[in-house]
Amino acid sequence: MRKLLNAYFDFSKGEFNGLIALIVLVVLIAITPDVYRFIMPEPEDPVIEQLAIKRLEFAVKQPRRFNDRRVTKENPKKERSYSLFPFDPNTINIDGWQRLGLSFKQSAAIIKYLEKGGRFRKTEDLQKMYTITPEIYKRISPYVKIEDKHAGNINAKTFVPKEAKIIEINEADSAALIEIKGIGPAFANRIIKYRARIGGFYRKEQLLEVFGLDSIKYDEIRNQISVDDQKIKKININTARLEDFKGHPYIRYKQINAILEYRKQHGNYSNIADLNKVAILDPETIGRLAPYLTF
């Protein structure tokens, strides 16, 4: 090492030995604190130790305090006062509900329900109100006295069922369709749009193809409707163009094109059976299209 240093610096033997001693001293000074702390750990600060103990005590006590709060919430010290008396839920005012033990907010929700046309026809109907808890219902139900006029139809406009009449769905407009019990403006609009796409209905079950109209809804309305298949829009298969089938849900573009190409090559179709000669058409498609075609 001395030779290496002498190549760059001119050190005497004494100077070199002094340099080595200085380096050793610097290293010792640098590592002495770490060595000391390793051998002689510092005594813990009593204040810090006390804080740690208090934190531990707080953590141990915390769950108990939480449980106390939960119990307090579930078992309030003071129960709402109430008085029980016979009442008609359709006529009692907000003060009456509060006397029965309901809060102002709960009472107001019931009054709002009645103002919107809601009615209680039997005692059990009170259970449908989310503001009336099972405990409250159990307490007040023996005192419910619903007058006959409330149990029946209070408001003829609201509660009397629509007069049963049959609606022919191929000519009915939206106003007529809404007369069907179970059909609102949205369904009426969908039925009319779908009817325009297919050219009219030739059987009731086609209503199941209307978006959102499921079997439950169909069972509700099927006895209120009729279908006159003489009023559907028909297409002459021997003069039809591609545009005449546009948007029809029962047939695809490739099938329409195949029908027209076959006619172009082989002449007019004589009857529905001739469509079986078009390879791309399956019996199901032909059967669904048949009521809409003329020859």
C-alpha atoms as a PDB file:
ATOM      1  CA  MET A   1       0.000   0.000   0.000  1.00  0.00           C
ATOM      2  CA  ARG A   2       2.898   2.314   0.857  1.00  0.00           C
ATOM      3  CA  LYS A   3       4.419   1.712  -2.570  1.00  0.00           C
ATOM      4  CA  LEU A   4       1.085   2.549  -4.191  1.00  0.00           C
ATOM      5  CA  LEU A   5       0.813   5.839  -2.288  1.00  0.00           C
ATOM      6  CA  ASN A   6       4.441   6.743  -2.949  1.00  0.00           C
ATOM      7  CA  ALA A   7       3.715   6.436  -6.637  1.00  0.00           C
ATOM      8  CA  TYR A   8       1.545   9.545  -6.272  1.00  0.00           C
ATOM      9  CA  PHE A   9       2.748  11.114  -3.024  1.00  0.00           C
ATOM     10  CA  ASP A  10       6.223  11.340  -1.466  1.00  0.00           C
ATOM     11  CA  PHE A  11       5.686  10.078   2.120  1.00  0.00           C
ATOM     12  CA  SER A  12       8.419   9.316   4.616  1.00  0.00           C
ATOM     13  CA  LYS A  13       8.003   6.232   6.783  1.00  0.00           C
ATOM     14  CA  GLY A  14       6.940   8.317   9.761  1.00  0.00           C
ATOM     15  CA  GLU A  15       4.382  10.264   7.723  1.00  0.00           C
ATOM     16  CA  PHE A  16       2.919   7.056   6.337  1.00  0.00           C
ATOM     17  CA  ASN A  17       2.576   5.529   9.812  1.00  0.00           C
ATOM     18  CA  GLY A  18       0.881   8.706  11.031  1.00  0.00           C
ATOM     19  CA  LEU A  19      -1.596   8.592   8.157  1.00  0.00           C
ATOM     20  CA  ILE A  20      -2.540   4.995   8.999  1.00  0.00           C
ATOM     21  CA  ALA A  21      -3.046   5.900  12.650  1.00  0.00           C
ATOM     22  CA  LEU A  22      -5.281   8.824  11.682  1.00  0.00           C
ATOM     23  CA  ILE A  23      -7.482   6.626   9.495  1.00  0.00           C
ATOM     24  CA  VAL A  24      -7.880   4.060  12.290  1.00  0.00           C
ATOM     25  CA  LEU A  25      -8.800   6.822  14.748  1.00  0.00           C
ATOM     26  CA  VAL A  26     -11.473   8.263  12.425  1.00  0.00           C
ATOM     27  CA  VAL A  27     -13.048   4.821  11.943  1.00  0.00           C
ATOM     28  CA  LEU A  28     -13.129   4.212  15.713  1.00  0.00           C
ATOM     29  CA  ILE A  29     -14.784   7.572  16.349  1.00  0.00           C
ATOM     30  CA  ALA A  30     -17.422   6.846  13.674  1.00  0.00           C
ATOM     31  CA  ILE A  31     -18.485   3.456  15.053  1.00  0.00           C
ATOM     32  CA  THR A  32     -18.111   4.133  18.795  1.00  0.00           C
ATOM     33  CA  PRO A  33     -21.716   5.506  19.324  1.00  0.00           C
ATOM     34  CA  ASP A  34     -23.345   2.498  17.662  1.00  0.00           C
ATOM     35  CA  VAL A  35     -21.171   0.051  19.586  1.00  0.00           C
ATOM     36  CA  TYR A  36     -21.960   1.855  22.841  1.00  0.00           C
ATOM     37  CA  ARG A  37     -25.718   1.792  22.235  1.00  0.00           C
ATOM     38  CA  PHE A  38     -25.524  -1.898  21.393  1.00  0.00           C
ATOM     39  CA  ILE A  39     -23.622  -2.756  24.576  1.00  0.00           C
ATOM     40  CA  MET A  40     -25.326  -0.259  26.889  1.00  0.00           C
ATOM     41  CA  PRO A  41     -29.017   0.281  25.874  1.00  0.00           C
ATOM     42  CA  GLU A  42     -30.504   3.589  26.965  1.00  0.00           C
ATOM     43  CA  PRO A  43     -32.832   3.495  29.955  1.00  0.00           C
ATOM     44  CA  GLU A  44     -36.415   4.134  28.941  1.00  0.00           C
ATOM     45  CA  ASP A  45     -37.823   7.551  29.610  1.00  0.00           C
ATOM     46  CA  PRO A  46     -40.320   7.157  32.496  1.00  0.00           C
ATOM     47  CA  VAL A  47     -42.689   9.672  30.857  1.00  0.00           C
ATOM     48  CA  ILE A  48     -42.773   7.694  27.605  1.00  0.00           C
ATOM     49  CA  GLU A  49     -43.250   4.486  29.569  1.00  0.00           C
ATOM     50  CA  GLN A  50     -46.248   5.982  31.401  1.00  0.00           C
ATOM     51  CA  LEU A  51     -47.798   7.138  28.114  1.00  0.00           C
ATOM     52  CA  ALA A  52     -47.444   3.644  26.673  1.00  0.00           C
ATOM     53  CA  ILE A  53     -49.177   2.151  29.724  1.00  0.00           C
ATOM     54  CA  LYS A  54     -52.057   4.636  29.459  1.00  0.00           C
ATOM     55  CA  ARG A  55     -52.507   3.881  25.759  1.00  0.00           C
ATOM     56  CA  LEU A  56     -52.689   0.173  26.531  1.00  0.00           C
ATOM     57  CA  GLU A  57     -55.281   0.772  29.263  1.00  0.00           C
ATOM     58  CA  PHE A  58     -57.345   2.934  26.880  1.00  0.00           C
ATOM     59  CA  ALA A  59     -57.273   0.234  24.189  1.00  0.00           C
ATOM     60  CA  VAL A  60     -58.436  -2.402  26.683  1.00  0.00           C
ATOM     61  CA  LYS A  61     -61.303  -0.239  27.926  1.00  0.00           C
ATOM     62  CA  GLN A  62     -62.431   0.892  24.459  1.00  0.00           C
ATOM     63  CA  PRO A  63     -64.496  -2.227  23.466  1.00  0.00           C
ATOM     64  CA  ARG A  64     -66.425  -2.017  26.735  1.00  0.00           C
ATOM     65  CA  ARG A  65     -67.283   1.607  26.049  1.00  0.00           C
ATOM     66  CA  PHE A  66     -68.423   0.683  22.523  1.00  0.00           C
ATOM     67  CA  ASN A  67     -70.629  -2.104  23.854  1.00  0.00           C
ATOM     68  CA  ASP A  68     -72.092   0.251  26.425  1.00  0.00           C
ATOM     69  CA  ARG A  69     -73.037   2.683  23.672  1.00  0.00           C
ATOM     70  CA  ARG A  70     -74.586  -0.108  21.623  1.00  0.00           C
ATOM     71  CA  VAL A  71     -76.660  -1.334  24.524  1.00  0.00           C
ATOM     72  CA  THR A  72     -77.718   2.201  25.322  1.00  0.00           C
ATOM     73  CA  LYS A  73     -78.847   2.726  21.718  1.00  0.00           C
ATOM     74  CA  GLU A  74     -80.743  -0.552  21.575  1.00  0.00           C
ATOM     75  CA  ASN A  75     -82.268  -0.070  25.016  1.00  0.00           C
ATOM     76  CA  PRO A  76     -83.040   3.592  25.394  1.00  0.00           C
ATOM     77  CA  LYS A  77     -83.554   4.702  28.949  1.00  0.00           C
ATOM     78  CA  LYS A  78     -86.687   6.655  28.161  1.00  0.00           C
ATOM     79  CA  GLU A  79     -89.448   5.057  26.056  1.00  0.00           C
ATOM     80  CA  ARG A  80     -91.759   7.330  24.034  1.00  0.00           C
ATOM     81  CA  SER A  81     -94.982   7.915  25.939  1.00  0.00           C
ATOM     82  CA  TYR A  82     -98.253   6.900  24.280  1.00  0.00           C
ATOM     83  CA  SER A  83    -101.936   6.359  24.870  1.00  0.00           C
ATOM     84  CA  LEU A  84    -104.158   3.760  23.235  1.00  0.00           C
ATOM     85  CA  PHE A  85    -107.653   4.405  21.910  1.00  0.00           C
ATOM     86  CA  PRO A  86    -109.889   3.184  19.043  1.00  0.00           C
ATOM     87  CA  PHE A  87    -109.005   4.893  15.764  1.00  0.00           C
ATOM     88  CA  ASP A  88    -109.540   4.734  12.018  1.00  0.00           C
ATOM     89  CA  PRO A  89    -106.118   4.899  10.291  1.00  0.00           C
ATOM     90  CA  ASN A  90    -107.752   6.524   7.260  1.00  0.00           C
ATOM     91  CA  THR A  91    -109.067   9.524   9.199  1.00  0.00           C
ATOM     92  CA  ILE A  92    -106.797  10.010  12.216  1.00  0.00           C
ATOM     93  CA  ASN A  93    -104.631  13.141  12.001  1.00  0.00           C
ATOM     94  CA  ILE A  94    -100.930  13.557  12.668  1.00  0.00           C
ATOM     95  CA  ASP A  95    -101.489  14.455  16.328  1.00  0.00           C
ATOM     96  CA  GLY A  96    -103.467  11.266  16.797  1.00  0.00           C
ATOM     97  CA  TRP A  97    -100.644   9.155  15.410  1.00  0.00           C
ATOM     98  CA  GLN A  98     -98.210  10.845  17.777  1.00  0.00           C
ATOM     99  CA  ARG A  99    -100.512  10.134  20.724  1.00  0.00           C
ATOM    100  CA  LEU A 100    -100.316   6.467  19.715  1.00  0.00           C
ATOM    101  CA  GLY A 101     -96.546   6.621  20.190  1.00  0.00           C
ATOM    102  CA  LEU A 102     -95.243   7.394  16.694  1.00  0.00           C
ATOM    103  CA  SER A 103     -92.715  10.136  16.100  1.00  0.00           C
ATOM    104  CA  PHE A 104     -93.583  13.222  14.086  1.00  0.00           C
ATOM    105  CA  LYS A 105     -91.569  11.894  11.129  1.00  0.00           C
ATOM    106  CA  GLN A 106     -93.322   8.506  11.227  1.00  0.00           C
ATOM    107  CA  SER A 107     -96.735  10.150  11.515  1.00  0.00           C
ATOM    108  CA  ALA A 108     -96.028  12.562   8.656  1.00  0.00           C
ATOM    109  CA  ALA A 109     -95.061   9.661   6.360  1.00  0.00           C
ATOM    110  CA  ILE A 110     -98.437   7.989   6.952  1.00  0.00           C
ATOM    111  CA  ILE A 111    -100.364  11.226   6.351  1.00  0.00           C
ATOM    112  CA  LYS A 112     -98.411  11.739   3.110  1.00  0.00           C
ATOM    113  CA  TYR A 113     -99.323   8.210   2.007  1.00  0.00           C
ATOM    114  CA  LEU A 114    -103.028   8.979   2.581  1.00  0.00           C
ATOM    115  CA  GLU A 115    -102.825  12.334   0.798  1.00  0.00           C
ATOM    116  CA  LYS A 116    -101.457  10.578  -2.301  1.00  0.00           C
ATOM    117  CA  GLY A 117    -104.536   8.348  -2.455  1.00  0.00           C
ATOM    118  CA  GLY A 118    -103.347   5.472  -0.295  1.00  0.00           C
ATOM    119  CA  ARG A 119    -105.892   3.742   1.940  1.00  0.00           C
ATOM    120  CA  PHE A 120    -105.972   1.098   4.639  1.00  0.00           C
ATOM    121  CA  ARG A 121    -108.683  -1.436   3.827  1.00  0.00           C
ATOM    122  CA  LYS A 122    -107.881  -3.845   6.641  1.00  0.00           C
ATOM    123  CA  THR A 123    -105.828  -3.779   9.824  1.00  0.00           C
ATOM    124  CA  GLU A 124    -103.019  -5.849   8.281  1.00  0.00           C
ATOM    125  CA  ASP A 125    -102.410  -3.090   5.715  1.00  0.00           C
ATOM    126  CA  LEU A 126    -100.677  -1.091   8.453  1.00  0.00           C
ATOM    127  CA  GLN A 127     -97.796  -3.567   8.319  1.00  0.00           C
ATOM    128  CA  LYS A 128     -96.999  -2.359   4.795  1.00  0.00           C
ATOM    129  CA  MET A 129     -95.936   1.013   6.192  1.00  0.00           C
ATOM    130  CA  TYR A 130     -92.203   0.973   6.905  1.00  0.00           C
ATOM    131  CA  THR A 131     -92.738   3.611   9.592  1.00  0.00           C
ATOM    132  CA  ILE A 132     -94.887   1.233  11.649  1.00  0.00           C
ATOM    133  CA  THR A 133     -92.531  -1.213  13.340  1.00  0.00           C
ATOM    134  CA  PRO A 134     -93.661  -4.697  14.416  1.00  0.00           C
ATOM    135  CA  GLU A 135     -93.687  -3.489  18.030  1.00  0.00           C
ATOM    136  CA  ILE A 136     -95.915  -0.515  17.226  1.00  0.00           C
ATOM    137  CA  TYR A 137     -98.235  -2.655  15.090  1.00  0.00           C
ATOM    138  CA  LYS A 138     -98.613  -5.221  17.864  1.00  0.00           C
ATOM    139  CA  ARG A 139     -99.487  -2.453  20.298  1.00  0.00           C
ATOM    140  CA  ILE A 140    -102.021  -0.519  18.208  1.00  0.00           C
ATOM    141  CA  SER A 141    -103.617  -3.210  15.997  1.00  0.00           C
ATOM    142  CA  PRO A 142    -106.299  -4.217  18.554  1.00  0.00           C
ATOM    143  CA  TYR A 143    -107.577  -0.616  18.496  1.00  0.00           C
ATOM    144  CA  VAL A 144    -107.926  -0.258  14.713  1.00  0.00           C
ATOM    145  CA  LYS A 145    -111.519   0.379  13.620  1.00  0.00           C
ATOM    146  CA  ILE A 146    -111.792   0.845   9.856  1.00  0.00           C
ATOM    147  CA  GLU A 147    -115.166   2.141   8.696  1.00  0.00           C
ATOM    148  CA  ASP A 148    -116.881   0.250   5.886  1.00  0.00           C
ATOM    149  CA  LYS A 149    -116.581   3.143   3.467  1.00  0.00           C
ATOM    150  CA  HIS A 150    -112.793   2.998   3.838  1.00  0.00           C
ATOM    151  CA  ALA A 151    -112.637  -0.768   3.585  1.00  0.00           C
ATOM    152  CA  GLY A 152    -114.418  -0.546   0.249  1.00  0.00           C
ATOM    153  CA  ASN A 153    -113.945   1.954  -2.527  1.00  0.00           C
ATOM    154  CA  ILE A 154    -113.569   5.441  -1.081  1.00  0.00           C
ATOM    155  CA  ASN A 155    -112.725   7.175  -4.279  1.00  0.00           C
ATOM    156  CA  ALA A 156    -114.483   5.699  -7.277  1.00  0.00           C
ATOM    157  CA  LYS A 157    -112.005   7.286  -9.636  1.00  0.00           C
ATOM    158  CA  THR A 158    -109.081   5.699  -7.815  1.00  0.00           C
ATOM    159  CA  PHE A 159    -110.323   2.334  -6.638  1.00  0.00           C
ATOM    160  CA  VAL A 160    -113.204   1.148  -8.804  1.00  0.00           C
ATOM    161  CA  PRO A 161    -111.773  -1.339 -11.300  1.00  0.00           C
ATOM    162  CA  LYS A 162    -111.937  -0.276 -14.906  1.00  0.00           C
ATOM    163  CA  GLU A 163    -115.068  -1.467 -16.608  1.00  0.00           C
ATOM    164  CA  ALA A 164    -114.270  -4.730 -18.288  1.00  0.00           C
ATOM    165  CA  LYS A 165    -114.245  -4.307 -22.040  1.00  0.00           C
ATOM    166  CA  ILE A 166    -112.415  -5.980 -24.866  1.00  0.00           C
ATOM    167  CA  ILE A 167    -109.848  -3.958 -26.819  1.00  0.00           C
ATOM    168  CA  GLU A 168    -108.965  -4.965 -30.375  1.00  0.00           C
ATOM    169  CA  ILE A 169    -105.209  -4.415 -30.400  1.00  0.00           C
ATOM    170  CA  ASN A 170    -104.620  -4.019 -34.144  1.00  0.00           C
ATOM    171  CA  GLU A 171    -106.575  -0.761 -34.365  1.00  0.00           C
ATOM    172  CA  ALA A 172    -106.294   0.539 -30.804  1.00  0.00           C
ATOM    173  CA  ASP A 173    -104.382   3.758 -30.251  1.00  0.00           C
ATOM    174  CA  SER A 174    -102.449   4.494 -27.062  1.00  0.00           C
ATOM    175  CA  ALA A 175    -105.525   5.937 -25.334  1.00  0.00           C
ATOM    176  CA  ALA A 176    -107.485   2.750 -26.004  1.00  0.00           C
ATOM    177  CA  LEU A 177    -104.631   0.491 -24.921  1.00  0.00           C
ATOM    178  CA  ILE A 178    -104.322   2.322 -21.610  1.00  0.00           C
ATOM    179  CA  GLU A 179    -107.926   1.303 -20.919  1.00  0.00           C
ATOM    180  CA  ILE A 180    -106.630  -2.250 -20.546  1.00  0.00           C
ATOM    181  CA  LYS A 181    -106.050  -2.956 -16.860  1.00  0.00           C
ATOM    182  CA  GLY A 182    -102.321  -3.511 -16.433  1.00  0.00           C
ATOM    183  CA  ILE A 183    -101.261  -1.423 -19.448  1.00  0.00           C
ATOM    184  CA  GLY A 184     -99.821   2.016 -18.837  1.00  0.00           C
ATOM    185  CA  PRO A 185     -98.455   4.645 -21.243  1.00  0.00           C
ATOM    186  CA  ALA A 186     -95.051   2.948 -21.544  1.00  0.00           C
ATOM    187  CA  PHE A 187     -96.443  -0.468 -22.494  1.00  0.00           C
ATOM    188  CA  ALA A 188     -99.024   1.112 -24.802  1.00  0.00           C
ATOM    189  CA  ASN A 189     -96.240   2.902 -26.688  1.00  0.00           C
ATOM    190  CA  ARG A 190     -94.161  -0.293 -26.974  1.00  0.00           C
ATOM    191  CA  ILE A 191     -97.115  -2.309 -28.260  1.00  0.00           C
ATOM    192  CA  ILE A 192     -97.866   0.268 -30.963  1.00  0.00           C
ATOM    193  CA  LYS A 193     -94.224   0.434 -32.085  1.00  0.00           C
ATOM    194  CA  TYR A 194     -93.896  -3.341 -32.269  1.00  0.00           C
ATOM    195  CA  ARG A 195     -97.229  -3.642 -34.080  1.00  0.00           C
ATOM    196  CA  ALA A 196     -95.913  -1.247 -36.742  1.00  0.00           C
ATOM    197  CA  ARG A 197     -92.734  -3.328 -37.177  1.00  0.00           C
ATOM    198  CA  ILE A 198     -94.497  -6.629 -37.786  1.00  0.00           C
ATOM    199  CA  GLY A 199     -97.568  -5.257 -39.580  1.00  0.00           C
ATOM    200  CA  GLY A 200    -100.078  -6.129 -36.863  1.00  0.00           C
ATOM    201  CA  PHE A 201    -100.867  -9.083 -34.620  1.00  0.00           C
ATOM    202  CA  TYR A 202    -102.517 -12.279 -35.835  1.00  0.00           C
ATOM    203  CA  ARG A 203    -102.647 -13.904 -32.389  1.00  0.00           C
ATOM    204  CA  LYS A 204    -102.586 -12.651 -28.805  1.00  0.00           C
ATOM    205  CA  GLU A 205     -99.425 -14.505 -27.840  1.00  0.00           C
ATOM    206  CA  GLN A 206     -97.376 -12.215 -30.068  1.00  0.00           C
ATOM    207  CA  LEU A 207     -97.625  -9.617 -27.304  1.00  0.00           C
ATOM    208  CA  LEU A 208     -95.049 -11.680 -25.408  1.00  0.00           C
ATOM    209  CA  GLU A 209     -92.553 -10.475 -28.028  1.00  0.00           C
ATOM    210  CA  VAL A 210     -93.015  -6.878 -26.855  1.00  0.00           C
ATOM    211  CA  PHE A 211     -90.064  -5.754 -24.741  1.00  0.00           C
ATOM    212  CA  GLY A 212     -90.793  -6.059 -21.024  1.00  0.00           C
ATOM    213  CA  LEU A 213     -94.167  -7.763 -21.438  1.00  0.00           C
ATOM    214  CA  ASP A 214     -93.661 -11.066 -19.633  1.00  0.00           C
ATOM    215  CA  SER A 215     -95.989 -14.015 -19.051  1.00  0.00           C
ATOM    216  CA  ILE A 216     -97.328 -12.513 -15.807  1.00  0.00           C
ATOM    217  CA  LYS A 217     -98.354  -9.310 -17.556  1.00  0.00           C
ATOM    218  CA  TYR A 218     -99.770 -11.285 -20.481  1.00  0.00           C
ATOM    219  CA  ASP A 219    -101.948 -13.404 -18.171  1.00  0.00           C
ATOM    220  CA  GLU A 220    -103.244 -10.184 -16.638  1.00  0.00           C
ATOM    221  CA  ILE A 221    -104.366  -8.657 -19.942  1.00  0.00           C
ATOM    222  CA  ARG A 222    -105.161 -11.526 -22.309  1.00  0.00           C
ATOM    223  CA  ASN A 223    -108.856 -11.682 -21.375  1.00  0.00           C
ATOM    224  CA  GLN A 224    -109.211  -7.952 -22.030  1.00  0.00           C
ATOM    225  CA  ILE A 225    -107.990  -8.021 -25.633  1.00  0.00           C
ATOM    226  CA  SER A 226    -108.931  -9.432 -28.997  1.00  0.00           C
ATOM    227  CA  VAL A 227    -107.103  -9.806 -32.306  1.00  0.00           C
ATOM    228  CA  ASP A 228    -108.634  -9.250 -35.738  1.00  0.00           C
ATOM    229  CA  ASP A 229    -106.136 -10.847 -38.115  1.00  0.00           C
ATOM    230  CA  GLN A 230    -107.959  -9.326 -41.096  1.00  0.00           C
ATOM    231  CA  LYS A 231    -106.468  -5.981 -40.125  1.00  0.00           C
ATOM    232  CA  ILE A 232    -102.809  -6.914 -40.367  1.00  0.00           C
ATOM    233  CA  LYS A 233    -100.679  -5.371 -43.102  1.00  0.00           C
ATOM    234  CA  LYS A 234     -99.796  -7.949 -45.767  1.00  0.00           C
ATOM    235  CA  ILE A 235     -96.956  -8.086 -48.267  1.00  0.00           C
ATOM    236  CA  ASN A 236     -97.346  -9.464 -51.783  1.00  0.00           C
ATOM    237  CA  ILE A 237     -94.391 -11.805 -52.025  1.00  0.00           C
ATOM    238  CA  ASN A 238     -94.404 -11.621 -55.843  1.00  0.00           C
ATOM    239  CA  THR A 239     -94.086  -7.838 -56.040  1.00  0.00           C
ATOM    240  CA  ALA A 240     -92.283  -7.098 -52.794  1.00  0.00           C
ATOM    241  CA  ARG A 241     -89.003  -5.245 -52.685  1.00  0.00           C
ATOM    242  CA  LEU A 242     -86.274  -5.370 -50.092  1.00  0.00           C
ATOM    243  CA  GLU A 243     -87.644  -2.223 -48.411  1.00  0.00           C
ATOM    244  CA  ASP A 244     -91.027  -3.869 -47.798  1.00  0.00           C
ATOM    245  CA  PHE A 245     -89.452  -6.252 -45.295  1.00  0.00           C
ATOM    246  CA  LYS A 246     -87.178  -3.669 -43.713  1.00  0.00           C
ATOM    247  CA  GLY A 247     -87.199  -3.861 -39.913  1.00  0.00           C
ATOM    248  CA  HIS A 248     -89.425  -6.937 -39.778  1.00  0.00           C
ATOM    249  CA  PRO A 249     -88.293  -8.973 -36.744  1.00  0.00           C
ATOM    250  CA  TYR A 250     -89.246 -12.345 -38.237  1.00  0.00           C
ATOM    251  CA  ILE A 251     -86.776 -12.365 -41.133  1.00  0.00           C
ATOM    252  CA  ARG A 252     -83.124 -11.458 -41.672  1.00  0.00           C
ATOM    253  CA  TYR A 253     -81.572  -9.531 -44.540  1.00  0.00           C
ATOM    254  CA  LYS A 254     -79.947 -12.632 -46.085  1.00  0.00           C
ATOM    255  CA  GLN A 255     -83.274 -14.468 -46.061  1.00  0.00           C
ATOM    256  CA  ILE A 256     -85.094 -11.550 -47.709  1.00  0.00           C
ATOM    257  CA  ASN A 257     -82.427 -11.348 -50.382  1.00  0.00           C
ATOM    258  CA  ALA A 258     -82.674 -15.105 -51.004  1.00  0.00           C
ATOM    259  CA  ILE A 259     -86.469 -14.856 -51.464  1.00  0.00           C
ATOM    260  CA  LEU A 260     -86.084 -12.077 -54.018  1.00  0.00           C
ATOM    261  CA  GLU A 261     -83.250 -13.831 -55.887  1.00  0.00           C
ATOM    262  CA  TYR A 262     -85.200 -17.102 -56.086  1.00  0.00           C
ATOM    263  CA  ARG A 263     -88.206 -15.255 -57.494  1.00  0.00           C
ATOM    264  CA  LYS A 264     -85.969 -13.521 -60.018  1.00  0.00           C
ATOM    265  CA  GLN A 265     -84.547 -16.847 -61.208  1.00  0.00           C
ATOM    266  CA  HIS A 266     -87.634 -19.072 -61.037  1.00  0.00           C
ATOM    267  CA  GLY A 267     -90.608 -16.751 -61.350  1.00  0.00           C
ATOM    268  CA  ASN A 268     -93.465 -15.962 -58.982  1.00  0.00           C
ATOM    269  CA  TYR A 269     -94.394 -18.008 -55.943  1.00  0.00           C
ATOM    270  CA  SER A 270     -97.722 -19.819 -56.147  1.00  0.00           C
ATOM    271  CA  ASN A 271     -98.309 -20.450 -52.465  1.00  0.00           C
ATOM    272  CA  ILE A 272     -96.625 -20.551 -49.071  1.00  0.00           C
ATOM    273  CA  ALA A 273     -95.243 -24.027 -49.746  1.00  0.00           C
ATOM    274  CA  ASP A 274     -93.046 -22.608 -52.530  1.00  0.00           C
ATOM    275  CA  LEU A 275     -90.982 -20.796 -49.899  1.00  0.00           C
ATOM    276  CA  ASN A 276     -89.668 -24.173 -48.768  1.00  0.00           C
ATOM    277  CA  LYS A 277     -87.681 -24.200 -52.005  1.00  0.00           C
ATOM    278  CA  VAL A 278     -85.566 -21.309 -50.716  1.00  0.00           C
ATOM    279  CA  ALA A 279     -82.765 -23.167 -48.970  1.00  0.00           C
ATOM    280  CA  ILE A 280     -81.992 -20.489 -46.417  1.00  0.00           C
ATOM    281  CA  LEU A 281     -85.554 -20.442 -45.048  1.00  0.00           C
ATOM    282  CA  ASP A 282     -86.454 -22.807 -42.202  1.00  0.00           C
ATOM    283  CA  PRO A 283     -90.023 -24.003 -41.482  1.00  0.00           C
ATOM    284  CA  GLU A 284     -90.297 -21.867 -38.337  1.00  0.00           C
ATOM    285  CA  THR A 285     -89.507 -18.658 -40.216  1.00  0.00           C
ATOM    286  CA  ILE A 286     -91.942 -19.552 -42.994  1.00  0.00           C
ATOM    287  CA  GLY A 287     -94.676 -20.310 -40.459  1.00  0.00           C
ATOM    288  CA  ARG A 288     -94.231 -16.985 -38.669  1.00  0.00           C
ATOM    289  CA  LEU A 289     -94.227 -15.033 -41.954  1.00  0.00           C
ATOM    290  CA  ALA A 290     -97.156 -16.839 -43.593  1.00  0.00           C
ATOM    291  CA  PRO A 291     -99.974 -14.674 -42.121  1.00  0.00           C
ATOM    292  CA  TYR A 292     -98.271 -11.550 -43.513  1.00  0.00           C
ATOM    293  CA  LEU A 293     -97.847 -12.788 -47.103  1.00  0.00           C
ATOM    294  CA  THR A 294    -100.095 -12.794 -50.160  1.00  0.00           C
ATOM    295  CA  PHE A 295     -99.438 -14.349 -53.584  1.00  0.00           C
END
